[in-house]
Amino acid sequence: MLRSIKKAYDIVRQQDAETAVTVHTIRMWCKEGKIKCLTAGNKVLVDIDSLMNYIAIKE
């Protein structure tokens, strides 16, 4: 499941309202290759499963 960085952040916030993860943090993880993502033009699409596994939030 691919979502924009902002939508990915919203999903994380739904799971944990007091999370320390920010939009900037997700963007940096994509640039560093820590989570799977796909670039489509100027938009970065985040693989939600990869993000959740990285931050260890189980749905």
PDB file of N, CA and C in Angstrom:
ATOM      1  N   MET A   1       0.855  -1.170   0.000  1.00  0.00           N
ATOM      2  CA  MET A   1       0.000   0.000   0.000  1.00  0.00           C
ATOM      3  C   MET A   1       0.903   1.236   0.000  1.00  0.00           C
ATOM      4  N   LEU A   2       0.782   2.055  -1.017  1.00  0.00           N
ATOM      5  CA  LEU A   2       1.584   3.269  -1.149  1.00  0.00           C
ATOM      6  C   LEU A   2       0.732   4.489  -0.820  1.00  0.00           C
ATOM      7  N   ARG A   3       1.293   5.379  -0.035  1.00  0.00           N
ATOM      8  CA  ARG A   3       0.610   6.620   0.326  1.00  0.00           C
ATOM      9  C   ARG A   3       1.619   7.754   0.308  1.00  0.00           C
ATOM     10  N   SER A   4       1.126   8.977   0.177  1.00  0.00           N
ATOM     11  CA  SER A   4       2.004  10.143   0.252  1.00  0.00           C
ATOM     12  C   SER A   4       2.576  10.241   1.666  1.00  0.00           C
ATOM     13  N   ILE A   5       3.605  11.032   1.818  1.00  0.00           N
ATOM     14  CA  ILE A   5       4.227  11.177   3.139  1.00  0.00           C
ATOM     15  C   ILE A   5       3.220  11.715   4.146  1.00  0.00           C
ATOM     16  N   LYS A   6       2.425  12.695   3.752  1.00  0.00           N
ATOM     17  CA  LYS A   6       1.425  13.277   4.662  1.00  0.00           C
ATOM     18  C   LYS A   6       0.379  12.240   5.062  1.00  0.00           C
ATOM     19  N   LYS A   7      -0.104  11.455   4.104  1.00  0.00           N
ATOM     20  CA  LYS A   7      -1.098  10.410   4.414  1.00  0.00           C
ATOM     21  C   LYS A   7      -0.479   9.329   5.301  1.00  0.00           C
ATOM     22  N   ALA A   8       0.792   8.993   5.048  1.00  0.00           N
ATOM     23  CA  ALA A   8       1.476   8.013   5.885  1.00  0.00           C
ATOM     24  C   ALA A   8       1.581   8.524   7.320  1.00  0.00           C
ATOM     25  N   TYR A   9       1.885   9.796   7.465  1.00  0.00           N
ATOM     26  CA  TYR A   9       1.947  10.407   8.788  1.00  0.00           C
ATOM     27  C   TYR A   9       0.582  10.336   9.473  1.00  0.00           C
ATOM     28  N   ASP A  10      -0.490  10.608   8.731  1.00  0.00           N
ATOM     29  CA  ASP A  10      -1.844  10.544   9.294  1.00  0.00           C
ATOM     30  C   ASP A  10      -2.168   9.135   9.793  1.00  0.00           C
ATOM     31  N   ILE A  11      -1.724   8.115   9.059  1.00  0.00           N
ATOM     32  CA  ILE A  11      -1.957   6.728   9.477  1.00  0.00           C
ATOM     33  C   ILE A  11      -1.207   6.429  10.771  1.00  0.00           C
ATOM     34  N   VAL A  12       0.022   6.900  10.875  1.00  0.00           N
ATOM     35  CA  VAL A  12       0.802   6.702  12.109  1.00  0.00           C
ATOM     36  C   VAL A  12       0.102   7.397  13.278  1.00  0.00           C
ATOM     37  N   ARG A  13      -0.389   8.611  13.045  1.00  0.00           N
ATOM     38  CA  ARG A  13      -1.087   9.356  14.102  1.00  0.00           C
ATOM     39  C   ARG A  13      -2.361   8.646  14.558  1.00  0.00           C
ATOM     40  N   GLN A  14      -3.047   7.973  13.642  1.00  0.00           N
ATOM     41  CA  GLN A  14      -4.249   7.220  14.014  1.00  0.00           C
ATOM     42  C   GLN A  14      -3.895   6.073  14.952  1.00  0.00           C
ATOM     43  N   GLN A  15      -2.740   5.441  14.721  1.00  0.00           N
ATOM     44  CA  GLN A  15      -2.305   4.323  15.542  1.00  0.00           C
ATOM     45  C   GLN A  15      -1.805   4.777  16.911  1.00  0.00           C
ATOM     46  N   ASP A  16      -1.126   5.928  16.930  1.00  0.00           N
ATOM     47  CA  ASP A  16      -0.541   6.445  18.166  1.00  0.00           C
ATOM     48  C   ASP A  16      -0.614   7.968  18.139  1.00  0.00           C
ATOM     49  N   ALA A  17      -1.572   8.516  18.864  1.00  0.00           N
ATOM     50  CA  ALA A  17      -1.815   9.963  18.835  1.00  0.00           C
ATOM     51  C   ALA A  17      -0.644  10.774  19.394  1.00  0.00           C
ATOM     52  N   GLU A  18       0.180  10.169  20.229  1.00  0.00           N
ATOM     53  CA  GLU A  18       1.293  10.895  20.842  1.00  0.00           C
ATOM     54  C   GLU A  18       2.638  10.472  20.263  1.00  0.00           C
ATOM     55  N   THR A  19       2.647  10.045  19.013  1.00  0.00           N
ATOM     56  CA  THR A  19       3.880   9.586  18.386  1.00  0.00           C
ATOM     57  C   THR A  19       4.891  10.721  18.232  1.00  0.00           C
ATOM     58  N   ALA A  20       6.153  10.355  18.272  1.00  0.00           N
ATOM     59  CA  ALA A  20       7.224  11.334  18.068  1.00  0.00           C
ATOM     60  C   ALA A  20       7.620  11.412  16.600  1.00  0.00           C
ATOM     61  N   VAL A  21       7.052  10.543  15.767  1.00  0.00           N
ATOM     62  CA  VAL A  21       7.356  10.542  14.333  1.00  0.00           C
ATOM     63  C   VAL A  21       6.682  11.748  13.684  1.00  0.00           C
ATOM     64  N   THR A  22       7.438  12.459  12.843  1.00  0.00           N
ATOM     65  CA  THR A  22       6.908  13.629  12.152  1.00  0.00           C
ATOM     66  C   THR A  22       6.983  13.418  10.643  1.00  0.00           C
ATOM     67  N   VAL A  23       6.367  14.305   9.899  1.00  0.00           N
ATOM     68  CA  VAL A  23       6.434  14.263   8.437  1.00  0.00           C
ATOM     69  C   VAL A  23       7.891  14.356   7.989  1.00  0.00           C
ATOM     70  N   HIS A  24       8.639  15.240   8.620  1.00  0.00           N
ATOM     71  CA  HIS A  24      10.056  15.404   8.285  1.00  0.00           C
ATOM     72  C   HIS A  24      10.833  14.111   8.542  1.00  0.00           C
ATOM     73  N   THR A  25      10.534  13.429   9.633  1.00  0.00           N
ATOM     74  CA  THR A  25      11.208  12.178   9.964  1.00  0.00           C
ATOM     75  C   THR A  25      10.955  11.137   8.884  1.00  0.00           C
ATOM     76  N   ILE A  26       9.710  11.007   8.444  1.00  0.00           N
ATOM     77  CA  ILE A  26       9.369  10.044   7.396  1.00  0.00           C
ATOM     78  C   ILE A  26      10.104  10.405   6.108  1.00  0.00           C
ATOM     79  N   ARG A  27      10.157  11.681   5.773  1.00  0.00           N
ATOM     80  CA  ARG A  27      10.857  12.130   4.573  1.00  0.00           C
ATOM     81  C   ARG A  27      12.343  11.762   4.648  1.00  0.00           C
ATOM     82  N   MET A  28      12.960  11.965   5.805  1.00  0.00           N
ATOM     83  CA  MET A  28      14.382  11.647   5.971  1.00  0.00           C
ATOM     84  C   MET A  28      14.616  10.135   5.880  1.00  0.00           C
ATOM     85  N   TRP A  29      13.733   9.324   6.458  1.00  0.00           N
ATOM     86  CA  TRP A  29      13.871   7.874   6.375  1.00  0.00           C
ATOM     87  C   TRP A  29      13.820   7.414   4.927  1.00  0.00           C
ATOM     88  N   CYS A  30      12.978   8.056   4.109  1.00  0.00           N
ATOM     89  CA  CYS A  30      12.911   7.722   2.683  1.00  0.00           C
ATOM     90  C   CYS A  30      14.231   8.054   1.999  1.00  0.00           C
ATOM     91  N   LYS A  31      14.757   9.238   2.258  1.00  0.00           N
ATOM     92  CA  LYS A  31      16.021   9.661   1.638  1.00  0.00           C
ATOM     93  C   LYS A  31      17.182   8.770   2.065  1.00  0.00           C
ATOM     94  N   GLU A  32      17.150   8.301   3.313  1.00  0.00           N
ATOM     95  CA  GLU A  32      18.229   7.465   3.836  1.00  0.00           C
ATOM     96  C   GLU A  32      18.062   5.999   3.455  1.00  0.00           C
ATOM     97  N   GLY A  33      16.922   5.632   2.859  1.00  0.00           N
ATOM     98  CA  GLY A  33      16.681   4.252   2.451  1.00  0.00           C
ATOM     99  C   GLY A  33      16.277   3.330   3.579  1.00  0.00           C
ATOM    100  N   LYS A  34      15.846   3.881   4.695  1.00  0.00           N
ATOM    101  CA  LYS A  34      15.452   3.063   5.836  1.00  0.00           C
ATOM    102  C   LYS A  34      14.069   2.444   5.652  1.00  0.00           C
ATOM    103  N   ILE A  35      13.218   3.092   4.861  1.00  0.00           N
ATOM    104  CA  ILE A  35      11.910   2.532   4.526  1.00  0.00           C
ATOM    105  C   ILE A  35      11.752   2.552   3.018  1.00  0.00           C
ATOM    106  N   LYS A  36      10.921   1.662   2.513  1.00  0.00           N
ATOM    107  CA  LYS A  36      10.697   1.577   1.074  1.00  0.00           C
ATOM    108  C   LYS A  36       9.803   2.728   0.621  1.00  0.00           C
ATOM    109  N   CYS A  37      10.180   3.336  -0.489  1.00  0.00           N
ATOM    110  CA  CYS A  37       9.378   4.414  -1.048  1.00  0.00           C
ATOM    111  C   CYS A  37       9.591   4.464  -2.553  1.00  0.00           C
ATOM    112  N   LEU A  38       8.714   5.160  -3.225  1.00  0.00           N
ATOM    113  CA  LEU A  38       8.747   5.291  -4.670  1.00  0.00           C
ATOM    114  C   LEU A  38       8.580   6.756  -5.003  1.00  0.00           C
ATOM    115  N   THR A  39       9.400   7.266  -5.908  1.00  0.00           N
ATOM    116  CA  THR A  39       9.292   8.653  -6.321  1.00  0.00           C
ATOM    117  C   THR A  39       8.523   8.711  -7.634  1.00  0.00           C
ATOM    118  N   ALA A  40       7.462   9.501  -7.646  1.00  0.00           N
ATOM    119  CA  ALA A  40       6.647   9.692  -8.849  1.00  0.00           C
ATOM    120  C   ALA A  40       6.642  11.190  -9.144  1.00  0.00           C
ATOM    121  N   GLY A  41       7.551  11.626 -10.019  1.00  0.00           N
ATOM    122  CA  GLY A  41       7.696  13.057 -10.265  1.00  0.00           C
ATOM    123  C   GLY A  41       8.293  13.707  -9.035  1.00  0.00           C
ATOM    124  N   ASN A  42       7.605  14.698  -8.486  1.00  0.00           N
ATOM    125  CA  ASN A  42       8.055  15.352  -7.258  1.00  0.00           C
ATOM    126  C   ASN A  42       7.473  14.715  -6.010  1.00  0.00           C
ATOM    127  N   LYS A  43       6.545  13.800  -6.176  1.00  0.00           N
ATOM    128  CA  LYS A  43       5.847  13.195  -5.042  1.00  0.00           C
ATOM    129  C   LYS A  43       6.561  11.921  -4.600  1.00  0.00           C
ATOM    130  N   VAL A  44       6.684  11.749  -3.301  1.00  0.00           N
ATOM    131  CA  VAL A  44       7.267  10.546  -2.733  1.00  0.00           C
ATOM    132  C   VAL A  44       6.135   9.713  -2.152  1.00  0.00           C
ATOM    133  N   LEU A  45       6.064   8.452  -2.573  1.00  0.00           N
ATOM    134  CA  LEU A  45       5.040   7.540  -2.075  1.00  0.00           C
ATOM    135  C   LEU A  45       5.702   6.543  -1.140  1.00  0.00           C
ATOM    136  N   VAL A  46       5.161   6.437   0.066  1.00  0.00           N
ATOM    137  CA  VAL A  46       5.738   5.606   1.117  1.00  0.00           C
ATOM    138  C   VAL A  46       5.013   4.269   1.162  1.00  0.00           C
ATOM    139  N   ASP A  47       5.783   3.184   1.279  1.00  0.00           N
ATOM    140  CA  ASP A  47       5.202   1.862   1.485  1.00  0.00           C
ATOM    141  C   ASP A  47       4.814   1.763   2.968  1.00  0.00           C
ATOM    142  N   ILE A  48       3.521   1.729   3.220  1.00  0.00           N
ATOM    143  CA  ILE A  48       3.008   1.758   4.599  1.00  0.00           C
ATOM    144  C   ILE A  48       3.492   0.550   5.397  1.00  0.00           C
ATOM    145  N   ASP A  49       3.518  -0.632   4.788  1.00  0.00           N
ATOM    146  CA  ASP A  49       3.969  -1.829   5.502  1.00  0.00           C
ATOM    147  C   ASP A  49       5.420  -1.675   5.953  1.00  0.00           C
ATOM    148  N   SER A  50       6.258  -1.132   5.085  1.00  0.00           N
ATOM    149  CA  SER A  50       7.658  -0.906   5.425  1.00  0.00           C
ATOM    150  C   SER A  50       7.782   0.104   6.570  1.00  0.00           C
ATOM    151  N   LEU A  51       6.996   1.165   6.504  1.00  0.00           N
ATOM    152  CA  LEU A  51       7.020   2.187   7.556  1.00  0.00           C
ATOM    153  C   LEU A  51       6.584   1.605   8.891  1.00  0.00           C
ATOM    154  N   MET A  52       5.489   0.860   8.893  1.00  0.00           N
ATOM    155  CA  MET A  52       4.979   0.286  10.147  1.00  0.00           C
ATOM    156  C   MET A  52       5.966  -0.716  10.735  1.00  0.00           C
ATOM    157  N   ASN A  53       6.597  -1.521   9.880  1.00  0.00           N
ATOM    158  CA  ASN A  53       7.595  -2.466  10.376  1.00  0.00           C
ATOM    159  C   ASN A  53       8.800  -1.734  10.949  1.00  0.00           C
ATOM    160  N   TYR A  54       9.181  -0.636  10.320  1.00  0.00           N
ATOM    161  CA  TYR A  54      10.347   0.110  10.799  1.00  0.00           C
ATOM    162  C   TYR A  54      10.102   0.715  12.175  1.00  0.00           C
ATOM    163  N   ILE A  55       8.914   1.247  12.387  1.00  0.00           N
ATOM    164  CA  ILE A  55       8.643   1.862  13.685  1.00  0.00           C
ATOM    165  C   ILE A  55       7.949   0.901  14.659  1.00  0.00           C
ATOM    166  N   ALA A  56       7.764  -0.345  14.208  1.00  0.00           N
ATOM    167  CA  ALA A  56       7.266  -1.444  15.062  1.00  0.00           C
ATOM    168  C   ALA A  56       5.868  -1.181  15.597  1.00  0.00           C
ATOM    169  N   ILE A  57       5.012  -0.617  14.777  1.00  0.00           N
ATOM    170  CA  ILE A  57       3.596  -0.494  15.124  1.00  0.00           C
ATOM    171  C   ILE A  57       2.870  -1.591  14.373  1.00  0.00           C
ATOM    172  N   LYS A  58       2.249  -2.460  15.077  1.00  0.00           N
ATOM    173  CA  LYS A  58       1.519  -3.552  14.445  1.00  0.00           C
ATOM    174  C   LYS A  58       0.051  -3.167  14.328  1.00  0.00           C
ATOM    175  N   GLU A  59      -0.471  -3.299  13.116  1.00  0.00           N
ATOM    176  CA  GLU A  59      -1.871  -2.942  12.891  1.00  0.00           C
ATOM    177  C   GLU A  59      -2.784  -4.054  13.349  1.00  0.00           C
TER     178      GLU A  59
END
